[in-house]
């Protein structure tokens, strides 16, 4: 039994290392979309929802409205509403928009949430040397946004 548990642990560890995280500079865009997962791990919609309204993470509600989050105060009106976003964009397009919206929408005010920190201009001290969202947080936000259908 012990040998079997060790074998399962080894196989699990090997599988975890096989899902290597894509570095910000290695993200591949096609017409603004990012086809491949940044982590190889499915996003968690519940964690993505947290990132959408948490100020120190995505803080999407600073610019976007989302009627699914009526309990959260002060929704922004700068960006388009998040309601029905999964009907307007594919998962790949949503991933590209979150990673770096400027790859799809030239001149947008939306920040790049997964861009190499050395490329950033005027970045807050808390984000120096790191991305705004981790690769897994991007996948989580995308998984949450994919639930927002009309």
C-alpha atoms as a PDB file:
ATOM      1  CA  UNK A   1       0.000   0.000   0.000  1.00  0.00           C
ATOM      2  CA  UNK A   2       2.807   2.390   0.936  1.00  0.00           C
ATOM      3  CA  UNK A   3       4.577   1.746  -2.392  1.00  0.00           C
ATOM      4  CA  UNK A   4       1.343   2.497  -4.239  1.00  0.00           C
ATOM      5  CA  UNK A   5       0.912   5.839  -2.420  1.00  0.00           C
ATOM      6  CA  UNK A   6       4.500   6.790  -3.219  1.00  0.00           C
ATOM      7  CA  UNK A   7       3.941   5.929  -6.897  1.00  0.00           C
ATOM      8  CA  UNK A   8       0.775   8.048  -6.974  1.00  0.00           C
ATOM      9  CA  UNK A   9       2.639  10.964  -5.369  1.00  0.00           C
ATOM     10  CA  UNK A  10       5.448  10.703  -7.914  1.00  0.00           C
ATOM     11  CA  UNK A  11       3.014  10.567 -10.845  1.00  0.00           C
ATOM     12  CA  UNK A  12       1.100  13.557  -9.417  1.00  0.00           C
ATOM     13  CA  UNK A  13       4.297  15.559  -8.998  1.00  0.00           C
ATOM     14  CA  UNK A  14       5.371  14.732 -12.543  1.00  0.00           C
ATOM     15  CA  UNK A  15       1.991  15.858 -13.874  1.00  0.00           C
ATOM     16  CA  UNK A  16       2.196  19.107 -11.936  1.00  0.00           C
ATOM     17  CA  UNK A  17       5.616  19.915 -13.372  1.00  0.00           C
ATOM     18  CA  UNK A  18       4.421  19.065 -16.895  1.00  0.00           C
ATOM     19  CA  UNK A  19       1.994  21.984 -16.748  1.00  0.00           C
ATOM     20  CA  UNK A  20       4.682  24.680 -16.971  1.00  0.00           C
ATOM     21  CA  UNK A  21       3.619  28.283 -16.604  1.00  0.00           C
ATOM     22  CA  UNK A  22       3.983  30.491 -19.679  1.00  0.00           C
ATOM     23  CA  UNK A  23       6.159  33.518 -18.895  1.00  0.00           C
ATOM     24  CA  UNK A  24       4.714  36.932 -19.798  1.00  0.00           C
ATOM     25  CA  UNK A  25       7.196  37.475 -22.645  1.00  0.00           C
ATOM     26  CA  UNK A  26       6.439  34.005 -24.055  1.00  0.00           C
ATOM     27  CA  UNK A  27       2.669  34.523 -24.399  1.00  0.00           C
ATOM     28  CA  UNK A  28       1.621  34.038 -28.016  1.00  0.00           C
ATOM     29  CA  UNK A  29      -1.180  36.236 -29.403  1.00  0.00           C
ATOM     30  CA  UNK A  30      -3.206  35.627 -32.561  1.00  0.00           C
ATOM     31  CA  UNK A  31      -5.373  38.619 -33.448  1.00  0.00           C
ATOM     32  CA  UNK A  32      -5.341  39.571 -29.769  1.00  0.00           C
ATOM     33  CA  UNK A  33      -6.419  36.123 -28.551  1.00  0.00           C
ATOM     34  CA  UNK A  34      -4.298  33.714 -26.505  1.00  0.00           C
ATOM     35  CA  UNK A  35      -5.197  30.156 -27.509  1.00  0.00           C
ATOM     36  CA  UNK A  36      -3.210  28.211 -24.934  1.00  0.00           C
ATOM     37  CA  UNK A  37      -3.718  28.192 -21.184  1.00  0.00           C
ATOM     38  CA  UNK A  38      -0.968  30.035 -19.335  1.00  0.00           C
ATOM     39  CA  UNK A  39      -0.731  27.246 -16.770  1.00  0.00           C
ATOM     40  CA  UNK A  40      -2.202  24.078 -18.240  1.00  0.00           C
ATOM     41  CA  UNK A  41      -4.488  24.041 -15.200  1.00  0.00           C
ATOM     42  CA  UNK A  42      -8.181  24.820 -15.474  1.00  0.00           C
ATOM     43  CA  UNK A  43      -9.235  28.127 -13.996  1.00  0.00           C
ATOM     44  CA  UNK A  44     -11.429  28.281 -10.891  1.00  0.00           C
ATOM     45  CA  UNK A  45     -14.453  30.541 -11.500  1.00  0.00           C
ATOM     46  CA  UNK A  46     -14.912  31.197  -7.754  1.00  0.00           C
ATOM     47  CA  UNK A  47     -11.310  32.407  -7.441  1.00  0.00           C
ATOM     48  CA  UNK A  48     -11.709  34.425 -10.632  1.00  0.00           C
ATOM     49  CA  UNK A  49     -14.794  36.120  -9.204  1.00  0.00           C
ATOM     50  CA  UNK A  50     -12.744  37.166  -6.163  1.00  0.00           C
ATOM     51  CA  UNK A  51     -10.040  38.641  -8.392  1.00  0.00           C
ATOM     52  CA  UNK A  52     -12.623  40.626 -10.370  1.00  0.00           C
ATOM     53  CA  UNK A  53     -13.773  42.582  -7.314  1.00  0.00           C
ATOM     54  CA  UNK A  54     -10.652  42.572  -5.117  1.00  0.00           C
ATOM     55  CA  UNK A  55      -8.859  45.916  -5.323  1.00  0.00           C
ATOM     56  CA  UNK A  56      -5.381  44.442  -4.864  1.00  0.00           C
ATOM     57  CA  UNK A  57      -5.949  41.951  -7.686  1.00  0.00           C
ATOM     58  CA  UNK A  58      -7.996  42.489 -10.850  1.00  0.00           C
ATOM     59  CA  UNK A  59     -10.234  45.272  -9.529  1.00  0.00           C
ATOM     60  CA  UNK A  60     -12.299  44.957 -12.713  1.00  0.00           C
ATOM     61  CA  UNK A  61     -15.275  46.665 -11.079  1.00  0.00           C
ATOM     62  CA  UNK A  62     -13.324  49.910 -10.976  1.00  0.00           C
ATOM     63  CA  UNK A  63     -14.039  50.216 -14.714  1.00  0.00           C
ATOM     64  CA  UNK A  64     -16.759  47.651 -15.516  1.00  0.00           C
ATOM     65  CA  UNK A  65     -20.313  47.013 -14.373  1.00  0.00           C
ATOM     66  CA  UNK A  66     -21.372  43.486 -13.523  1.00  0.00           C
ATOM     67  CA  UNK A  67     -24.950  42.875 -12.410  1.00  0.00           C
ATOM     68  CA  UNK A  68     -23.956  39.407 -11.126  1.00  0.00           C
ATOM     69  CA  UNK A  69     -22.034  41.284  -8.391  1.00  0.00           C
ATOM     70  CA  UNK A  70     -24.728  43.657  -7.202  1.00  0.00           C
ATOM     71  CA  UNK A  71     -23.554  43.148  -3.607  1.00  0.00           C
ATOM     72  CA  UNK A  72     -20.303  44.912  -4.508  1.00  0.00           C
ATOM     73  CA  UNK A  73     -20.559  48.718  -4.449  1.00  0.00           C
ATOM     74  CA  UNK A  74     -19.203  51.269  -6.910  1.00  0.00           C
ATOM     75  CA  UNK A  75     -19.118  49.654 -10.335  1.00  0.00           C
ATOM     76  CA  UNK A  76     -17.300  51.649 -12.982  1.00  0.00           C
ATOM     77  CA  UNK A  77     -18.599  52.917 -16.299  1.00  0.00           C
ATOM     78  CA  UNK A  78     -15.354  53.375 -18.230  1.00  0.00           C
ATOM     79  CA  UNK A  79     -15.257  49.900 -19.786  1.00  0.00           C
ATOM     80  CA  UNK A  80     -18.075  47.852 -21.290  1.00  0.00           C
ATOM     81  CA  UNK A  81     -20.345  45.893 -18.917  1.00  0.00           C
ATOM     82  CA  UNK A  82     -19.221  42.370 -18.056  1.00  0.00           C
ATOM     83  CA  UNK A  83     -22.789  41.082 -18.370  1.00  0.00           C
ATOM     84  CA  UNK A  84     -22.897  38.624 -21.268  1.00  0.00           C
ATOM     85  CA  UNK A  85     -19.157  38.898 -21.922  1.00  0.00           C
ATOM     86  CA  UNK A  86     -18.968  35.126 -22.576  1.00  0.00           C
ATOM     87  CA  UNK A  87     -21.458  35.547 -25.412  1.00  0.00           C
ATOM     88  CA  UNK A  88     -19.364  38.284 -27.033  1.00  0.00           C
ATOM     89  CA  UNK A  89     -15.886  36.750 -26.743  1.00  0.00           C
ATOM     90  CA  UNK A  90     -14.376  33.273 -26.849  1.00  0.00           C
ATOM     91  CA  UNK A  91     -12.329  31.952 -23.936  1.00  0.00           C
ATOM     92  CA  UNK A  92      -9.193  32.536 -26.016  1.00  0.00           C
ATOM     93  CA  UNK A  93     -10.179  36.148 -26.686  1.00  0.00           C
ATOM     94  CA  UNK A  94     -11.030  36.722 -23.024  1.00  0.00           C
ATOM     95  CA  UNK A  95      -7.600  35.357 -22.047  1.00  0.00           C
ATOM     96  CA  UNK A  96      -5.919  37.708 -24.521  1.00  0.00           C
ATOM     97  CA  UNK A  97      -7.908  40.690 -23.242  1.00  0.00           C
ATOM     98  CA  UNK A  98      -6.935  39.952 -19.635  1.00  0.00           C
ATOM     99  CA  UNK A  99      -3.278  39.270 -20.466  1.00  0.00           C
ATOM    100  CA  UNK A 100      -2.882  42.462 -22.541  1.00  0.00           C
ATOM    101  CA  UNK A 101      -5.980  44.132 -23.977  1.00  0.00           C
ATOM    102  CA  UNK A 102      -3.812  46.420 -26.117  1.00  0.00           C
ATOM    103  CA  UNK A 103      -3.059  43.453 -28.353  1.00  0.00           C
ATOM    104  CA  UNK A 104      -6.745  43.455 -29.383  1.00  0.00           C
ATOM    105  CA  UNK A 105      -7.839  47.034 -28.738  1.00  0.00           C
ATOM    106  CA  UNK A 106      -5.166  49.545 -29.667  1.00  0.00           C
ATOM    107  CA  UNK A 107      -5.281  52.575 -27.394  1.00  0.00           C
ATOM    108  CA  UNK A 108      -7.448  50.975 -24.690  1.00  0.00           C
ATOM    109  CA  UNK A 109      -7.052  52.244 -21.144  1.00  0.00           C
ATOM    110  CA  UNK A 110      -7.333  48.698 -19.795  1.00  0.00           C
ATOM    111  CA  UNK A 111      -4.092  47.610 -18.141  1.00  0.00           C
ATOM    112  CA  UNK A 112      -2.146  44.519 -19.125  1.00  0.00           C
ATOM    113  CA  UNK A 113      -2.636  42.166 -16.197  1.00  0.00           C
ATOM    114  CA  UNK A 114       0.047  39.675 -17.262  1.00  0.00           C
ATOM    115  CA  UNK A 115       2.828  41.625 -18.905  1.00  0.00           C
ATOM    116  CA  UNK A 116       6.519  41.433 -18.136  1.00  0.00           C
ATOM    117  CA  UNK A 117       7.189  44.005 -15.396  1.00  0.00           C
ATOM    118  CA  UNK A 118      10.180  45.408 -17.300  1.00  0.00           C
ATOM    119  CA  UNK A 119       7.751  46.597 -20.015  1.00  0.00           C
ATOM    120  CA  UNK A 120       5.567  48.547 -17.592  1.00  0.00           C
ATOM    121  CA  UNK A 121       5.352  52.309 -17.581  1.00  0.00           C
ATOM    122  CA  UNK A 122       4.378  54.099 -14.352  1.00  0.00           C
ATOM    123  CA  UNK A 123       3.808  51.058 -12.204  1.00  0.00           C
ATOM    124  CA  UNK A 124       2.768  51.122  -8.556  1.00  0.00           C
ATOM    125  CA  UNK A 125       5.433  50.138  -6.038  1.00  0.00           C
ATOM    126  CA  UNK A 126       3.424  47.080  -4.978  1.00  0.00           C
ATOM    127  CA  UNK A 127       3.703  45.718  -8.543  1.00  0.00           C
ATOM    128  CA  UNK A 128       7.393  46.428  -9.175  1.00  0.00           C
ATOM    129  CA  UNK A 129       9.050  43.276 -10.487  1.00  0.00           C
ATOM    130  CA  UNK A 130       5.819  41.292 -10.867  1.00  0.00           C
ATOM    131  CA  UNK A 131       2.695  41.052 -12.958  1.00  0.00           C
ATOM    132  CA  UNK A 132      -0.635  42.396 -11.679  1.00  0.00           C
ATOM    133  CA  UNK A 133      -2.162  38.911 -11.853  1.00  0.00           C
ATOM    134  CA  UNK A 134      -0.345  35.594 -11.796  1.00  0.00           C
ATOM    135  CA  UNK A 135      -0.805  33.196 -14.702  1.00  0.00           C
ATOM    136  CA  UNK A 136      -3.215  31.092 -12.624  1.00  0.00           C
ATOM    137  CA  UNK A 137      -5.191  34.170 -11.586  1.00  0.00           C
ATOM    138  CA  UNK A 138      -5.587  35.034 -15.277  1.00  0.00           C
ATOM    139  CA  UNK A 139      -6.953  31.535 -15.889  1.00  0.00           C
ATOM    140  CA  UNK A 140      -9.284  31.939 -12.890  1.00  0.00           C
ATOM    141  CA  UNK A 141     -10.620  35.294 -14.140  1.00  0.00           C
ATOM    142  CA  UNK A 142     -11.150  33.837 -17.613  1.00  0.00           C
ATOM    143  CA  UNK A 143     -13.036  30.874 -16.087  1.00  0.00           C
ATOM    144  CA  UNK A 144     -15.282  33.289 -14.180  1.00  0.00           C
ATOM    145  CA  UNK A 145     -15.894  35.544 -17.183  1.00  0.00           C
ATOM    146  CA  UNK A 146     -16.804  32.447 -19.227  1.00  0.00           C
ATOM    147  CA  UNK A 147     -19.784  31.981 -16.874  1.00  0.00           C
ATOM    148  CA  UNK A 148     -21.228  35.439 -17.658  1.00  0.00           C
ATOM    149  CA  UNK A 149     -23.733  34.718 -20.390  1.00  0.00           C
ATOM    150  CA  UNK A 150     -26.962  36.556 -21.228  1.00  0.00           C
END
